[in-house]
Amino acid sequence: MPRNTLGDLNNHLFEQLERLNDESIKGDDLREEIARAKAVTSIASQIIANGTLVIKAEEFKQEYILDPKHKKLPPMLRAEFLGELED
């Protein structure tokens, strides 16, 4: 399992930015670096989205599961059975 942190991700993004700012990179090398930057950005966006989802899930748990004043899930999240099971 990877042991990277969001701090590591931040460092990778800044390293990528430094490579893109290197004015000695030209032509095909620059095109390759731009393609690499796009790939890194795409993956980083997914990592950040996953982190956001984890935070939202924890907030949901704190509000709706651990807080005794809430007995039910919000209507949009309720899964209600609409029919009878057939034997």
Protein backbone atom coordinates (compact mmCIF):
# COMPACT_ATOMS: atom_id res chain seq x y z
CA MET A 1 0.00 0.00 0.00
CA PRO A 2 1.39 3.44 -0.91
CA ARG A 3 2.58 5.53 1.98
CA ASN A 4 2.43 8.87 0.24
CA THR A 5 0.72 11.81 1.89
CA LEU A 6 -0.97 14.92 0.56
CA GLY A 7 2.23 16.71 1.54
CA ASP A 8 4.14 14.40 -0.81
CA LEU A 9 1.62 15.15 -3.53
CA ASN A 10 2.14 18.85 -2.98
CA ASN A 11 5.91 18.37 -3.31
CA HIS A 12 5.49 16.40 -6.55
CA LEU A 13 3.28 19.13 -8.00
CA PHE A 14 5.80 21.83 -7.17
CA GLU A 15 8.63 19.71 -8.62
CA GLN A 16 6.61 19.35 -11.81
CA LEU A 17 6.06 23.10 -11.90
CA GLU A 18 9.81 23.67 -11.52
CA ARG A 19 10.50 21.33 -14.46
CA LEU A 20 7.97 23.20 -16.59
CA ASN A 21 9.62 26.49 -15.65
CA ASP A 22 13.05 25.23 -16.75
CA GLU A 23 13.72 27.41 -19.80
CA SER A 24 16.46 25.08 -21.03
CA ILE A 25 13.87 22.42 -21.90
CA LYS A 26 12.83 22.85 -25.52
CA GLY A 27 11.21 21.02 -28.41
CA ASP A 28 10.35 17.35 -27.94
CA ASP A 29 11.66 17.36 -24.36
CA LEU A 30 9.29 20.21 -23.50
CA ARG A 31 6.37 18.42 -25.18
CA GLU A 32 7.16 15.29 -23.16
CA GLU A 33 7.32 17.32 -19.95
CA ILE A 34 3.97 18.96 -20.75
CA ALA A 35 2.42 15.52 -21.38
CA ARG A 36 3.88 14.30 -18.09
CA ALA A 37 2.50 17.37 -16.30
CA LYS A 38 -0.97 16.67 -17.70
CA ALA A 39 -0.80 13.08 -16.47
CA VAL A 40 0.41 14.16 -13.03
CA THR A 41 -2.33 16.78 -12.84
CA SER A 42 -4.99 14.23 -13.77
CA ILE A 43 -3.84 11.78 -11.11
CA ALA A 44 -3.45 14.54 -8.53
CA SER A 45 -7.01 15.68 -9.20
CA GLN A 46 -8.29 12.18 -8.48
CA ILE A 47 -6.26 11.92 -5.28
CA ILE A 48 -7.65 15.26 -4.12
CA ALA A 49 -11.21 14.22 -5.06
CA ASN A 50 -10.79 11.00 -3.07
CA GLY A 51 -9.54 12.97 -0.08
CA THR A 52 -12.52 15.29 -0.33
CA LEU A 53 -14.87 12.30 -0.41
CA VAL A 54 -13.26 10.84 2.71
CA ILE A 55 -13.70 14.15 4.54
CA LYS A 56 -17.34 14.42 3.45
CA ALA A 57 -18.01 10.84 4.55
CA GLU A 58 -16.53 11.57 7.96
CA GLU A 59 -18.61 14.73 8.27
CA PHE A 60 -21.71 12.76 7.30
CA LYS A 61 -20.90 10.09 9.87
CA GLN A 62 -20.41 12.69 12.58
CA GLU A 63 -23.66 14.48 11.74
CA TYR A 64 -26.05 11.62 10.96
CA ILE A 65 -24.71 8.54 12.67
CA LEU A 66 -22.94 9.71 15.80
CA ASP A 67 -25.22 12.65 16.60
CA PRO A 68 -28.20 11.27 18.56
CA LYS A 69 -30.55 14.07 17.49
CA HIS A 70 -30.62 12.61 13.95
CA LYS A 71 -32.58 9.40 13.81
CA LYS A 72 -32.94 9.13 10.05
CA LEU A 73 -30.83 9.69 6.99
CA PRO A 74 -31.68 12.61 4.73
CA PRO A 75 -34.51 11.56 2.35
CA MET A 76 -32.25 11.62 -0.70
CA LEU A 77 -29.95 9.02 0.89
CA ARG A 78 -32.60 6.66 2.19
CA ALA A 79 -32.96 3.37 0.40
CA GLU A 80 -36.48 2.16 0.89
CA PHE A 81 -37.75 -1.14 -0.40
CA LEU A 82 -40.69 -0.53 -2.73
CA GLY A 83 -41.89 -4.09 -3.24
CA GLU A 84 -42.18 -7.45 -1.60
CA LEU A 85 -39.62 -10.19 -2.10
CA GLU A 86 -40.97 -13.10 -4.05
CA ASP A 87 -40.24 -16.62 -2.77
